[in-house]
Amino acid sequence: MSTTWHVLGAGSLGTLWATRLARAGVPVRLIVRDEARLHAYRAAGGLTLVEQGAAHTWGIPGETAENGEPINRLLVACKAYDAEQAVARLASRLAPDAELILLQNGLGSQDAVAAQVPHARCISASSTEGAFREGDWRVVFAGHGYTWLGDAGHPVAPIWLDELVSAGIPHAWSIDILTRLWRKLALNCAINPLTVLHDCRNGGLQDHHCEVATLCGELSELLERCGQPAAAEDLQQEVERVIHATAANYSSMYQDVAQGRRTEISYLLGYACKTAARHQLNLPHLNQLQQRLIAHLQRLGLPSD
């Protein structure tokens, strides 16, 4: 029998993965925050995936962290700022050879999670799949993308990747996952904060070409200094391609701010600026962008960490 996938976090990507795995007949269980959320989840009857206008609900069993059953495979799909504490609550349930798949944005949370569970294998993931929540327990599949997975300390691919094939989750095993994560961080730093500050969809950044180009130049410097030249290659062209290809979309950070939610600034701009400071690299426009975004969030009464 297949190993059960425990999914931590019922946001857009967590729901997207859980429903497709369940549809493929793979055993899945959803871990929710507390008994109140579990009651609400059970009342909803499961997780709903809306794909090409058609909605289908999957009655995936739910549980809280306090359930005593051991966990062998855990998909960590919560926000970067919640990941470390959420995994710490589950540490006692993890089997000795447990595997964690980390779907967080940015950098920093992966190392923090791994420190909580030194006996487990932590696999990082970088995804370009598009989805947004239409309400609690309901997600709309907004755009086909790709997910790269990898483990910098253990490059051998796990056998359960076959289950992702049967679930229709486009993916590849990457032996240079850190390059993928750094590249995604740079893309997010060049796009997401500006969409918040200019109050626009991604396509609106086509009117701010010089600002985008300046940021890409500084981010490329940072990637080079961090030993990630491949992640820096043609960064500006890639950023412009993403802006054009996703012109009608709102960035994830824009959506967080619009809905009054905490952003992942500390794991995106914050991580980039801290790393630059550690390398004594002067990146004035990137630092200024961070300060502008912090001030903007504070004016809105939102957390700025």
Protein backbone atom coordinates (compact mmCIF):
# COMPACT_ATOMS: atom_id res chain seq x y z
CA MET A 1 0.00 0.00 0.00
CA SER A 2 1.17 3.54 -0.77
CA THR A 3 2.61 5.69 1.99
CA THR A 4 0.10 8.28 3.21
CA TRP A 5 0.79 11.89 2.28
CA HIS A 6 0.10 14.16 5.25
CA VAL A 7 -0.52 17.70 3.98
CA LEU A 8 0.18 20.59 6.36
CA GLY A 9 -1.54 23.75 5.15
CA ALA A 10 -4.77 24.10 3.18
CA GLY A 11 -3.72 27.13 1.15
CA SER A 12 -3.65 27.21 -2.63
CA LEU A 13 -0.69 24.90 -3.27
CA GLY A 14 -1.49 22.52 -0.41
CA THR A 15 -5.04 22.09 -1.67
CA LEU A 16 -3.83 21.78 -5.27
CA TRP A 17 -1.46 18.95 -4.38
CA ALA A 18 -3.81 17.19 -1.95
CA THR A 19 -6.77 17.04 -4.36
CA ARG A 20 -4.71 15.81 -7.31
CA LEU A 21 -3.04 13.13 -5.20
CA ALA A 22 -6.43 12.02 -3.86
CA ARG A 23 -7.85 11.96 -7.40
CA ALA A 24 -5.05 9.57 -8.37
CA GLY A 25 -5.99 7.21 -5.54
CA VAL A 26 -3.02 8.10 -3.33
CA PRO A 27 -3.85 8.14 0.42
CA VAL A 28 -3.89 11.72 1.74
CA ARG A 29 -4.66 13.28 5.12
CA LEU A 30 -4.99 17.01 5.82
CA ILE A 31 -3.53 18.47 9.03
CA VAL A 32 -5.35 21.59 10.24
CA ARG A 33 -4.52 24.09 12.98
CA ASP A 34 -6.95 23.15 15.77
CA GLU A 35 -10.25 21.46 16.63
CA ALA A 36 -12.30 24.47 15.49
CA ARG A 37 -10.71 24.35 12.04
CA LEU A 38 -11.17 20.60 11.92
CA HIS A 39 -14.88 21.01 12.68
CA ALA A 40 -15.18 23.63 9.92
CA TYR A 41 -13.32 21.41 7.48
CA ARG A 42 -15.52 18.41 8.17
CA ALA A 43 -18.62 20.57 7.79
CA ALA A 44 -17.38 21.59 4.32
CA GLY A 45 -17.09 17.94 3.30
CA GLY A 46 -13.51 18.08 2.07
CA LEU A 47 -11.27 20.07 -0.26
CA THR A 48 -12.66 21.45 -3.53
CA LEU A 49 -10.59 21.89 -6.67
CA VAL A 50 -11.97 24.11 -9.44
CA GLU A 51 -10.35 23.25 -12.76
CA GLN A 52 -11.45 24.71 -16.12
CA GLY A 53 -14.66 25.87 -14.49
CA ALA A 54 -15.58 22.46 -13.05
CA ALA A 55 -15.59 21.96 -9.29
CA HIS A 56 -14.96 18.63 -7.60
CA THR A 57 -14.79 17.99 -3.85
CA TRP A 58 -12.54 15.32 -2.40
CA GLY A 59 -13.41 13.96 1.05
CA ILE A 60 -9.84 13.85 2.30
CA PRO A 61 -9.69 12.89 6.01
CA GLY A 62 -8.70 15.75 8.32
CA GLU A 63 -6.88 15.77 11.66
CA THR A 64 -5.04 18.08 14.04
CA ALA A 65 -1.36 17.96 14.95
CA GLU A 66 -2.31 16.16 18.17
CA ASN A 67 -3.38 13.01 16.32
CA GLY A 68 -0.89 10.36 17.44
CA GLU A 69 -0.37 8.42 14.23
CA PRO A 70 3.19 8.47 12.85
CA ILE A 71 3.95 10.54 9.76
CA ASN A 72 6.23 9.15 7.06
CA ARG A 73 5.72 11.76 4.34
CA LEU A 74 4.77 15.37 5.08
CA LEU A 75 4.01 18.03 2.50
CA VAL A 76 4.69 21.35 4.24
CA ALA A 77 2.48 23.79 2.32
CA CYS A 78 1.99 26.55 4.89
CA LYS A 79 3.48 30.05 4.60
CA ALA A 80 7.23 30.47 5.14
CA TYR A 81 6.73 32.34 8.43
CA ASP A 82 4.57 29.50 9.84
CA ALA A 83 6.64 26.54 8.65
CA GLU A 84 9.19 26.22 11.46
CA GLN A 85 6.65 26.36 14.31
CA ALA A 86 4.12 24.16 12.49
CA VAL A 87 6.69 21.43 11.86
CA ALA A 88 7.97 21.67 15.45
CA ARG A 89 4.43 20.76 16.65
CA LEU A 90 4.60 17.61 14.53
CA ALA A 91 8.22 16.61 15.26
CA SER A 92 7.27 13.90 17.76
CA ARG A 93 5.02 12.23 15.17
CA LEU A 94 7.65 11.98 12.45
CA ALA A 95 8.91 8.45 11.75
CA PRO A 96 12.71 7.93 11.95
CA ASP A 97 12.99 7.93 8.14
CA ALA A 98 10.33 10.59 7.50
CA GLU A 99 10.51 12.80 4.43
CA LEU A 100 9.35 16.43 4.31
CA ILE A 101 8.59 18.26 1.07
CA LEU A 102 8.94 22.01 1.62
CA LEU A 103 6.82 24.22 -0.65
CA GLN A 104 7.71 27.59 0.88
CA ASN A 105 8.47 30.81 -0.97
CA GLY A 106 11.84 32.44 -0.61
CA LEU A 107 14.79 31.22 1.45
CA GLY A 108 15.47 30.81 5.15
CA SER A 109 12.49 28.75 6.25
CA GLN A 110 13.94 25.56 4.73
CA ASP A 111 17.00 25.64 7.00
CA ALA A 112 14.86 26.55 10.00
CA VAL A 113 12.57 23.56 9.40
CA ALA A 114 15.49 21.17 8.86
CA ALA A 115 16.99 22.25 12.20
CA GLN A 116 13.74 21.25 13.95
CA VAL A 117 13.82 17.69 12.55
CA PRO A 118 17.46 16.63 12.08
CA HIS A 119 16.47 12.95 11.72
CA ALA A 120 14.18 13.62 8.75
CA ARG A 121 14.99 14.15 5.08
CA CYS A 122 13.97 17.62 3.92
CA ILE A 123 13.31 18.05 0.21
CA SER A 124 12.97 21.60 -1.12
CA ALA A 125 10.51 22.48 -3.86
CA SER A 126 10.21 25.45 -6.21
CA SER A 127 6.90 25.75 -8.03
CA THR A 128 5.54 27.95 -10.81
CA GLU A 129 2.02 26.52 -10.63
CA GLY A 130 -0.74 29.09 -10.34
CA ALA A 131 -3.70 28.77 -7.99
CA PHE A 132 -5.77 30.98 -5.74
CA ARG A 133 -8.21 30.37 -2.91
CA GLU A 134 -11.85 31.10 -3.67
CA GLY A 135 -12.77 30.55 -0.03
CA ASP A 136 -11.97 28.16 2.80
CA TRP A 137 -11.18 24.65 1.54
CA ARG A 138 -11.70 25.71 -2.10
CA VAL A 139 -8.99 26.51 -4.66
CA VAL A 140 -9.02 27.49 -8.33
CA PHE A 141 -6.31 26.05 -10.56
CA ALA A 142 -5.26 29.23 -12.38
CA GLY A 143 -2.27 28.22 -14.46
CA HIS A 144 -0.28 25.15 -15.32
CA GLY A 145 3.31 25.35 -14.23
CA TYR A 146 6.15 23.17 -13.06
CA THR A 147 7.66 22.06 -9.77
CA TRP A 148 11.34 21.34 -9.24
CA LEU A 149 12.29 19.22 -6.23
CA GLY A 150 15.70 18.50 -4.80
CA ASP A 151 17.81 17.75 -1.75
CA ALA A 152 21.18 19.50 -1.74
CA GLY A 153 22.58 17.04 0.81
CA HIS A 154 21.23 13.86 -0.80
CA PRO A 155 20.89 14.13 -4.59
CA VAL A 156 19.28 10.71 -5.18
CA ALA A 157 15.64 11.08 -6.27
CA PRO A 158 12.95 9.38 -4.12
CA ILE A 159 10.87 6.59 -5.66
CA TRP A 160 7.57 8.32 -4.83
CA LEU A 161 8.05 10.77 -7.70
CA ASP A 162 6.04 8.19 -9.68
CA GLU A 163 3.02 9.17 -7.59
CA LEU A 164 3.36 12.76 -8.79
CA VAL A 165 3.28 11.46 -12.37
CA SER A 166 0.02 9.58 -11.74
CA ALA A 167 -1.40 12.65 -9.97
CA GLY A 168 -0.66 14.85 -12.99
CA ILE A 169 1.74 17.13 -11.09
CA PRO A 170 4.39 18.27 -13.61
CA HIS A 171 7.77 18.05 -11.92
CA ALA A 172 11.46 17.25 -12.22
CA TRP A 173 14.15 16.23 -9.76
CA SER A 174 16.87 18.88 -9.67
CA ILE A 175 20.41 18.22 -8.49
CA ASP A 176 20.93 22.01 -8.31
CA ILE A 177 17.83 22.89 -6.31
CA LEU A 178 19.60 25.77 -4.54
CA THR A 179 20.08 27.47 -7.92
CA ARG A 180 16.34 27.05 -8.57
CA LEU A 181 15.47 28.51 -5.15
CA TRP A 182 17.80 31.49 -5.57
CA ARG A 183 16.44 32.18 -9.07
CA LYS A 184 12.85 32.09 -7.78
CA LEU A 185 13.81 34.37 -4.87
CA ALA A 186 15.30 36.90 -7.29
CA LEU A 187 12.22 36.78 -9.54
CA ASN A 188 9.95 37.34 -6.55
CA CYS A 189 12.09 40.21 -5.23
CA ALA A 190 12.03 41.93 -8.63
CA ILE A 191 8.27 41.60 -9.14
CA ASN A 192 6.19 41.11 -5.99
CA PRO A 193 7.16 44.20 -3.91
CA LEU A 194 6.76 46.52 -6.90
CA THR A 195 3.24 45.24 -7.63
CA VAL A 196 2.32 46.13 -4.04
CA LEU A 197 3.92 49.58 -4.10
CA HIS A 198 2.55 50.48 -7.54
CA ASP A 199 -0.83 48.82 -6.78
CA CYS A 200 -0.89 46.90 -10.04
CA ARG A 201 -1.12 43.52 -11.71
CA ASN A 202 2.15 41.98 -12.84
CA GLY A 203 1.68 43.49 -16.30
CA GLY A 204 1.62 46.99 -14.79
CA LEU A 205 5.36 46.70 -14.18
CA GLN A 206 5.89 47.13 -17.93
CA ASP A 207 5.41 50.84 -17.18
CA HIS A 208 8.31 50.72 -14.68
CA HIS A 209 10.99 49.20 -16.89
CA CYS A 210 13.91 51.21 -15.50
CA GLU A 211 13.10 50.36 -11.90
CA VAL A 212 12.80 46.65 -12.74
CA ALA A 213 16.08 46.72 -14.69
CA THR A 214 17.94 48.41 -11.82
CA LEU A 215 16.69 45.84 -9.32
CA CYS A 216 17.62 42.97 -11.65
CA GLY A 217 21.16 44.37 -11.90
CA GLU A 218 21.57 44.45 -8.12
CA LEU A 219 19.97 41.02 -7.66
CA SER A 220 22.35 39.59 -10.25
CA GLU A 221 25.27 41.04 -8.27
CA LEU A 222 23.94 39.34 -5.15
CA LEU A 223 23.54 35.97 -6.86
CA GLU A 224 27.07 36.15 -8.25
CA ARG A 225 28.48 37.01 -4.80
CA CYS A 226 26.58 34.06 -3.28
CA GLY A 227 28.15 31.62 -5.72
CA GLN A 228 25.02 31.29 -7.84
CA PRO A 229 26.10 32.53 -11.31
CA ALA A 230 23.63 30.21 -13.06
CA ALA A 231 20.76 31.81 -11.13
CA ALA A 232 21.97 35.25 -12.23
CA GLU A 233 22.18 34.42 -15.93
CA ASP A 234 19.82 36.53 -18.07
CA LEU A 235 17.83 37.45 -14.95
CA GLN A 236 16.36 40.65 -16.36
CA GLN A 237 15.13 38.90 -19.52
CA GLU A 238 13.49 36.19 -17.39
CA VAL A 239 11.82 38.77 -15.13
CA GLU A 240 10.47 40.63 -18.17
CA ARG A 241 9.22 37.35 -19.66
CA VAL A 242 7.38 36.47 -16.44
CA ILE A 243 5.86 39.98 -16.23
CA HIS A 244 4.57 39.63 -19.79
CA ALA A 245 3.39 36.01 -19.44
CA THR A 246 1.52 36.72 -16.18
CA ALA A 247 0.42 40.25 -17.05
CA ALA A 248 -3.19 39.69 -15.96
CA ASN A 249 -2.23 38.08 -12.63
CA TYR A 250 -1.81 39.65 -9.21
CA SER A 251 1.36 38.55 -7.41
CA SER A 252 1.04 36.46 -4.27
CA MET A 253 2.34 39.36 -2.17
CA TYR A 254 -0.21 41.72 -3.72
CA GLN A 255 -2.98 39.24 -2.87
CA ASP A 256 -1.72 38.91 0.72
CA VAL A 257 -1.73 42.69 1.20
CA ALA A 258 -5.13 43.12 -0.49
CA GLN A 259 -6.62 40.57 1.90
CA GLY A 260 -4.95 42.03 4.99
CA ARG A 261 -2.64 39.06 5.47
CA ARG A 262 0.96 38.95 6.60
CA THR A 263 3.44 38.85 3.69
CA GLU A 264 6.58 36.74 3.30
CA ILE A 265 8.81 39.83 3.09
CA SER A 266 11.35 38.39 5.57
CA TYR A 267 11.97 35.36 3.36
CA LEU A 268 12.16 37.36 0.11
CA LEU A 269 13.48 40.93 0.29
CA GLY A 270 14.53 40.53 3.91
CA TYR A 271 16.61 37.44 3.15
CA ALA A 272 18.19 39.07 0.10
CA CYS A 273 19.13 42.26 1.99
CA LYS A 274 20.52 40.36 4.99
CA THR A 275 22.62 38.17 2.72
CA ALA A 276 23.95 41.23 0.90
CA ALA A 277 24.91 42.84 4.23
CA ARG A 278 26.64 39.65 5.33
CA HIS A 279 28.71 39.75 2.13
CA GLN A 280 29.34 43.51 2.62
CA LEU A 281 27.67 44.12 -0.74
CA ASN A 282 26.12 47.56 -1.20
CA LEU A 283 22.78 47.27 -3.03
CA PRO A 284 21.11 50.67 -2.46
CA HIS A 285 18.02 50.17 -4.61
CA LEU A 286 17.23 46.76 -3.10
CA ASN A 287 17.63 48.14 0.43
CA GLN A 288 15.50 51.16 -0.45
CA LEU A 289 12.81 48.86 -1.86
CA GLN A 290 12.74 46.91 1.40
CA GLN A 291 12.35 50.13 3.43
CA ARG A 292 9.58 51.41 1.15
CA LEU A 293 7.70 48.12 1.46
CA ILE A 294 8.11 48.01 5.26
CA ALA A 295 6.78 51.58 5.54
CA HIS A 296 3.86 50.73 3.25
CA LEU A 297 2.91 47.64 5.28
CA GLN A 298 3.15 49.60 8.54
CA ARG A 299 0.85 52.31 7.15
CA LEU A 300 -1.68 49.58 6.38
CA GLY A 301 -1.35 48.13 9.88
CA LEU A 302 0.16 44.88 8.56
CA PRO A 303 3.16 43.03 10.01
CA SER A 304 6.41 44.12 8.38
CA ASP A 305 8.56 41.17 9.43
